[in-house]
N, C-alpha and C. Protein backbone atom coordinates (compact mmCIF):
# COMPACT_ATOMS: atom_id res chain seq x y z
N MET A 1 -17.23 2.18 -62.44
CA MET A 1 -16.72 1.01 -61.76
C MET A 1 -17.61 0.72 -60.56
N GLU A 2 -18.08 -0.47 -60.49
CA GLU A 2 -19.01 -0.87 -59.43
C GLU A 2 -18.24 -1.39 -58.22
N ARG A 3 -18.61 -0.88 -57.04
CA ARG A 3 -17.95 -1.33 -55.81
C ARG A 3 -18.68 -2.55 -55.27
N LYS A 4 -17.91 -3.47 -54.78
CA LYS A 4 -18.46 -4.69 -54.21
C LYS A 4 -18.88 -4.40 -52.77
N ARG A 5 -20.13 -4.71 -52.44
CA ARG A 5 -20.61 -4.49 -51.07
C ARG A 5 -20.10 -5.58 -50.16
N ARG A 6 -19.72 -5.18 -48.96
CA ARG A 6 -19.28 -6.15 -47.97
C ARG A 6 -20.49 -6.82 -47.37
N LYS A 7 -20.41 -8.11 -47.23
CA LYS A 7 -21.48 -8.84 -46.57
C LYS A 7 -21.38 -8.60 -45.08
N SER A 8 -22.52 -8.57 -44.42
CA SER A 8 -22.48 -8.48 -42.96
C SER A 8 -23.18 -9.71 -42.41
N TYR A 9 -22.63 -10.21 -41.33
CA TYR A 9 -23.13 -11.44 -40.72
C TYR A 9 -23.51 -11.16 -39.27
N SER A 10 -24.53 -11.82 -38.81
CA SER A 10 -24.97 -11.63 -37.43
C SER A 10 -23.96 -12.26 -36.47
N ARG A 11 -24.03 -11.83 -35.23
CA ARG A 11 -23.17 -12.39 -34.20
C ARG A 11 -23.41 -13.89 -34.07
N GLU A 12 -24.67 -14.31 -34.14
CA GLU A 12 -25.01 -15.72 -34.01
C GLU A 12 -24.39 -16.55 -35.14
N PHE A 13 -24.42 -16.01 -36.36
CA PHE A 13 -23.82 -16.71 -37.49
C PHE A 13 -22.32 -16.89 -37.26
N LYS A 14 -21.66 -15.82 -36.83
CA LYS A 14 -20.22 -15.88 -36.60
C LYS A 14 -19.88 -16.89 -35.51
N LEU A 15 -20.67 -16.89 -34.43
CA LEU A 15 -20.42 -17.85 -33.35
C LEU A 15 -20.60 -19.29 -33.84
N GLU A 16 -21.64 -19.53 -34.63
CA GLU A 16 -21.86 -20.87 -35.17
C GLU A 16 -20.73 -21.28 -36.12
N ALA A 17 -20.26 -20.33 -36.93
CA ALA A 17 -19.16 -20.61 -37.85
C ALA A 17 -17.90 -20.99 -37.08
N VAL A 18 -17.60 -20.25 -36.03
CA VAL A 18 -16.42 -20.55 -35.20
C VAL A 18 -16.62 -21.88 -34.48
N ARG A 19 -17.84 -22.16 -34.06
CA ARG A 19 -18.12 -23.42 -33.36
C ARG A 19 -17.88 -24.63 -34.27
N LEU A 20 -18.13 -24.48 -35.57
CA LEU A 20 -17.83 -25.57 -36.51
C LEU A 20 -16.34 -25.94 -36.44
N ILE A 21 -15.52 -24.93 -36.30
CA ILE A 21 -14.07 -25.15 -36.27
C ILE A 21 -13.62 -25.66 -34.90
N THR A 22 -14.11 -25.01 -33.85
CA THR A 22 -13.59 -25.30 -32.51
C THR A 22 -14.21 -26.53 -31.86
N HIS A 23 -15.46 -26.83 -32.20
CA HIS A 23 -16.15 -27.95 -31.52
C HIS A 23 -16.51 -29.11 -32.45
N LYS A 24 -16.71 -28.82 -33.72
CA LYS A 24 -17.16 -29.87 -34.64
C LYS A 24 -16.03 -30.48 -35.45
N GLY A 25 -14.82 -29.95 -35.32
CA GLY A 25 -13.68 -30.54 -35.99
C GLY A 25 -13.47 -30.13 -37.44
N TYR A 26 -14.21 -29.15 -37.92
CA TYR A 26 -14.00 -28.67 -39.28
C TYR A 26 -12.69 -27.88 -39.33
N SER A 27 -12.01 -27.95 -40.45
CA SER A 27 -10.87 -27.05 -40.65
C SER A 27 -11.45 -25.70 -41.09
N ILE A 28 -10.63 -24.68 -41.02
CA ILE A 28 -11.10 -23.36 -41.47
C ILE A 28 -11.48 -23.43 -42.94
N ALA A 29 -10.68 -24.12 -43.74
CA ALA A 29 -10.96 -24.24 -45.17
C ALA A 29 -12.29 -24.95 -45.42
N GLU A 30 -12.54 -26.05 -44.69
CA GLU A 30 -13.81 -26.78 -44.86
C GLU A 30 -15.00 -25.92 -44.47
N ALA A 31 -14.89 -25.25 -43.34
CA ALA A 31 -15.99 -24.39 -42.89
C ALA A 31 -16.19 -23.24 -43.87
N SER A 32 -15.11 -22.71 -44.39
CA SER A 32 -15.17 -21.62 -45.36
C SER A 32 -15.95 -22.03 -46.59
N ARG A 33 -15.61 -23.19 -47.14
CA ARG A 33 -16.32 -23.69 -48.34
C ARG A 33 -17.78 -23.98 -48.02
N SER A 34 -18.03 -24.61 -46.89
CA SER A 34 -19.37 -25.00 -46.51
C SER A 34 -20.29 -23.79 -46.31
N LEU A 35 -19.76 -22.73 -45.71
CA LEU A 35 -20.58 -21.57 -45.40
C LEU A 35 -20.54 -20.48 -46.46
N GLY A 36 -19.59 -20.58 -47.38
CA GLY A 36 -19.46 -19.55 -48.41
C GLY A 36 -18.86 -18.26 -47.86
N VAL A 37 -18.02 -18.41 -46.84
CA VAL A 37 -17.35 -17.26 -46.24
C VAL A 37 -15.88 -17.36 -46.57
N ASP A 38 -15.28 -16.25 -46.94
CA ASP A 38 -13.87 -16.24 -47.30
C ASP A 38 -13.01 -16.79 -46.16
N TYR A 39 -11.98 -17.55 -46.51
CA TYR A 39 -11.09 -18.19 -45.54
C TYR A 39 -10.53 -17.19 -44.55
N SER A 40 -10.02 -16.05 -45.06
CA SER A 40 -9.38 -15.07 -44.17
C SER A 40 -10.39 -14.45 -43.21
N VAL A 41 -11.62 -14.27 -43.64
CA VAL A 41 -12.66 -13.72 -42.77
C VAL A 41 -12.94 -14.70 -41.63
N LEU A 42 -13.10 -15.96 -41.98
CA LEU A 42 -13.38 -16.99 -40.97
C LEU A 42 -12.20 -17.15 -40.00
N ARG A 43 -10.99 -17.07 -40.52
CA ARG A 43 -9.81 -17.15 -39.67
C ARG A 43 -9.79 -15.98 -38.68
N ASN A 44 -10.13 -14.77 -39.15
CA ASN A 44 -10.18 -13.60 -38.27
C ASN A 44 -11.25 -13.76 -37.19
N TRP A 45 -12.41 -14.30 -37.55
CA TRP A 45 -13.47 -14.54 -36.56
C TRP A 45 -12.97 -15.49 -35.47
N LYS A 46 -12.27 -16.53 -35.90
CA LYS A 46 -11.75 -17.51 -34.94
C LYS A 46 -10.76 -16.84 -33.99
N ILE A 47 -9.89 -16.01 -34.52
CA ILE A 47 -8.90 -15.29 -33.70
C ILE A 47 -9.60 -14.35 -32.72
N GLN A 48 -10.59 -13.60 -33.22
CA GLN A 48 -11.34 -12.68 -32.36
C GLN A 48 -12.02 -13.44 -31.22
N PHE A 49 -12.60 -14.58 -31.55
CA PHE A 49 -13.29 -15.37 -30.55
C PHE A 49 -12.31 -15.91 -29.51
N GLU A 50 -11.15 -16.38 -29.96
CA GLU A 50 -10.15 -16.91 -29.05
C GLU A 50 -9.61 -15.84 -28.10
N GLN A 51 -9.50 -14.61 -28.59
CA GLN A 51 -8.96 -13.53 -27.78
C GLN A 51 -9.93 -13.06 -26.70
N ASP A 52 -11.22 -13.09 -27.00
CA ASP A 52 -12.21 -12.60 -26.03
C ASP A 52 -13.57 -13.23 -26.33
N PRO A 53 -13.77 -14.50 -25.93
CA PRO A 53 -15.00 -15.21 -26.28
C PRO A 53 -16.28 -14.51 -25.80
N GLN A 54 -16.23 -13.91 -24.65
CA GLN A 54 -17.44 -13.30 -24.09
C GLN A 54 -17.86 -12.05 -24.85
N HIS A 55 -16.90 -11.28 -25.35
CA HIS A 55 -17.23 -10.01 -26.01
C HIS A 55 -16.97 -10.02 -27.51
N ALA A 56 -16.72 -11.18 -28.08
CA ALA A 56 -16.45 -11.25 -29.52
C ALA A 56 -17.68 -10.84 -30.32
N PHE A 57 -17.46 -10.17 -31.40
CA PHE A 57 -18.51 -9.77 -32.35
C PHE A 57 -19.60 -8.93 -31.69
N PRO A 58 -19.27 -7.75 -31.15
CA PRO A 58 -20.27 -6.94 -30.46
C PRO A 58 -21.35 -6.36 -31.37
N GLY A 59 -21.10 -6.32 -32.67
CA GLY A 59 -22.10 -5.80 -33.60
C GLY A 59 -21.62 -4.51 -34.23
N LYS A 60 -22.24 -4.17 -35.34
CA LYS A 60 -21.83 -2.99 -36.10
C LYS A 60 -22.08 -1.73 -35.27
N GLY A 61 -21.03 -0.94 -35.12
CA GLY A 61 -21.15 0.30 -34.37
C GLY A 61 -21.13 0.12 -32.87
N GLN A 62 -21.01 -1.10 -32.40
CA GLN A 62 -21.00 -1.38 -30.97
C GLN A 62 -19.57 -1.62 -30.52
N LEU A 63 -19.32 -1.25 -29.29
CA LEU A 63 -18.01 -1.48 -28.70
C LEU A 63 -18.12 -2.56 -27.63
N LYS A 64 -17.02 -3.22 -27.39
CA LYS A 64 -16.98 -4.17 -26.27
C LYS A 64 -17.16 -3.36 -24.99
N PRO A 65 -17.76 -3.95 -23.95
CA PRO A 65 -18.01 -3.19 -22.72
C PRO A 65 -16.81 -2.42 -22.17
N PRO A 66 -15.61 -3.00 -22.11
CA PRO A 66 -14.48 -2.21 -21.60
C PRO A 66 -14.18 -1.00 -22.50
N ASP A 67 -14.28 -1.17 -23.81
CA ASP A 67 -14.03 -0.07 -24.75
C ASP A 67 -15.12 0.99 -24.64
N GLU A 68 -16.35 0.56 -24.43
CA GLU A 68 -17.46 1.49 -24.26
C GLU A 68 -17.26 2.34 -23.00
N GLU A 69 -16.79 1.72 -21.94
CA GLU A 69 -16.51 2.44 -20.70
C GLU A 69 -15.42 3.48 -20.91
N ILE A 70 -14.38 3.12 -21.63
CA ILE A 70 -13.30 4.07 -21.93
C ILE A 70 -13.84 5.24 -22.75
N ARG A 71 -14.67 4.95 -23.74
CA ARG A 71 -15.27 6.01 -24.57
C ARG A 71 -16.10 6.95 -23.71
N ARG A 72 -16.91 6.38 -22.81
CA ARG A 72 -17.77 7.17 -21.95
C ARG A 72 -16.93 8.06 -21.01
N LEU A 73 -15.87 7.49 -20.44
CA LEU A 73 -15.03 8.25 -19.53
C LEU A 73 -14.26 9.37 -20.25
N LYS A 74 -13.82 9.11 -21.48
CA LYS A 74 -13.13 10.15 -22.25
C LYS A 74 -14.07 11.31 -22.54
N LYS A 75 -15.31 10.99 -22.88
CA LYS A 75 -16.30 12.02 -23.16
C LYS A 75 -16.57 12.85 -21.91
N ARG A 76 -16.67 12.18 -20.77
CA ARG A 76 -16.90 12.89 -19.51
C ARG A 76 -15.71 13.76 -19.15
N LEU A 77 -14.50 13.25 -19.33
CA LEU A 77 -13.30 14.02 -19.05
C LEU A 77 -13.25 15.28 -19.92
N GLU A 78 -13.63 15.13 -21.18
CA GLU A 78 -13.64 16.27 -22.09
C GLU A 78 -14.61 17.35 -21.58
N ARG A 79 -15.78 16.93 -21.13
CA ARG A 79 -16.77 17.88 -20.62
C ARG A 79 -16.27 18.57 -19.35
N VAL A 80 -15.71 17.80 -18.43
CA VAL A 80 -15.22 18.37 -17.18
C VAL A 80 -14.07 19.34 -17.46
N THR A 81 -13.22 19.01 -18.42
CA THR A 81 -12.12 19.89 -18.78
C THR A 81 -12.65 21.21 -19.34
N GLU A 82 -13.68 21.14 -20.19
CA GLU A 82 -14.29 22.35 -20.74
C GLU A 82 -14.89 23.20 -19.62
N GLU A 83 -15.58 22.56 -18.68
CA GLU A 83 -16.17 23.29 -17.55
C GLU A 83 -15.09 23.97 -16.72
N ARG A 84 -13.99 23.25 -16.48
CA ARG A 84 -12.88 23.83 -15.72
C ARG A 84 -12.31 25.05 -16.42
N ASP A 85 -12.14 24.95 -17.74
CA ASP A 85 -11.58 26.07 -18.50
C ASP A 85 -12.50 27.28 -18.45
N ILE A 86 -13.79 27.06 -18.50
CA ILE A 86 -14.76 28.16 -18.40
C ILE A 86 -14.65 28.82 -17.03
N LEU A 87 -14.57 28.00 -15.99
CA LEU A 87 -14.46 28.55 -14.63
C LEU A 87 -13.16 29.33 -14.44
N LYS A 88 -12.06 28.85 -15.03
CA LYS A 88 -10.78 29.57 -14.95
C LYS A 88 -10.90 30.95 -15.59
N LYS A 89 -11.55 31.00 -16.76
CA LYS A 89 -11.71 32.28 -17.47
C LYS A 89 -12.59 33.22 -16.67
N ALA A 90 -13.67 32.66 -16.09
CA ALA A 90 -14.56 33.49 -15.29
C ALA A 90 -13.83 34.02 -14.06
N LEU A 91 -13.07 33.19 -13.41
CA LEU A 91 -12.31 33.60 -12.23
C LEU A 91 -11.31 34.70 -12.59
N ALA A 92 -10.62 34.54 -13.69
CA ALA A 92 -9.66 35.55 -14.13
C ALA A 92 -10.37 36.85 -14.45
N TYR A 93 -11.51 36.78 -15.09
CA TYR A 93 -12.28 37.99 -15.45
C TYR A 93 -12.71 38.73 -14.19
N PHE A 94 -13.30 38.01 -13.21
CA PHE A 94 -13.78 38.68 -11.99
C PHE A 94 -12.62 39.17 -11.13
N ALA A 95 -11.52 38.45 -11.11
CA ALA A 95 -10.35 38.89 -10.35
C ALA A 95 -9.79 40.18 -10.94
N GLU A 96 -9.83 40.31 -12.24
CA GLU A 96 -9.32 41.52 -12.91
C GLU A 96 -10.22 42.71 -12.64
N HIS A 97 -11.52 42.50 -12.59
CA HIS A 97 -12.46 43.60 -12.41
C HIS A 97 -12.73 43.94 -10.94
N GLN A 98 -12.14 43.23 -10.02
CA GLN A 98 -12.29 43.51 -8.60
C GLN A 98 -11.33 44.59 -8.14
N LYS A 99 -10.31 44.86 -8.93
CA LYS A 99 -9.25 45.81 -8.54
C LYS A 99 -9.72 47.23 -8.61
């Protein structure tokens, strides 16, 4: 059984597709037929753009800047927590052997 590959579209293409709907007066159905993009995909792009126009469509594997900051901070917290745990174990070890 052959799997159908998902098409990937550039950020610029998505922005232009949404602009057809929001600025040029196309309906989602008209833009969908014209561009050869499934209706539901185009509708989702429009929703994503409306929710956050500046950070819409960050790219494959990319996060929006606020999400990237959260990811970076979580990673740092994990490292600091590991360092703290190591220091606690070392402190307990030396405290035990000082007696």
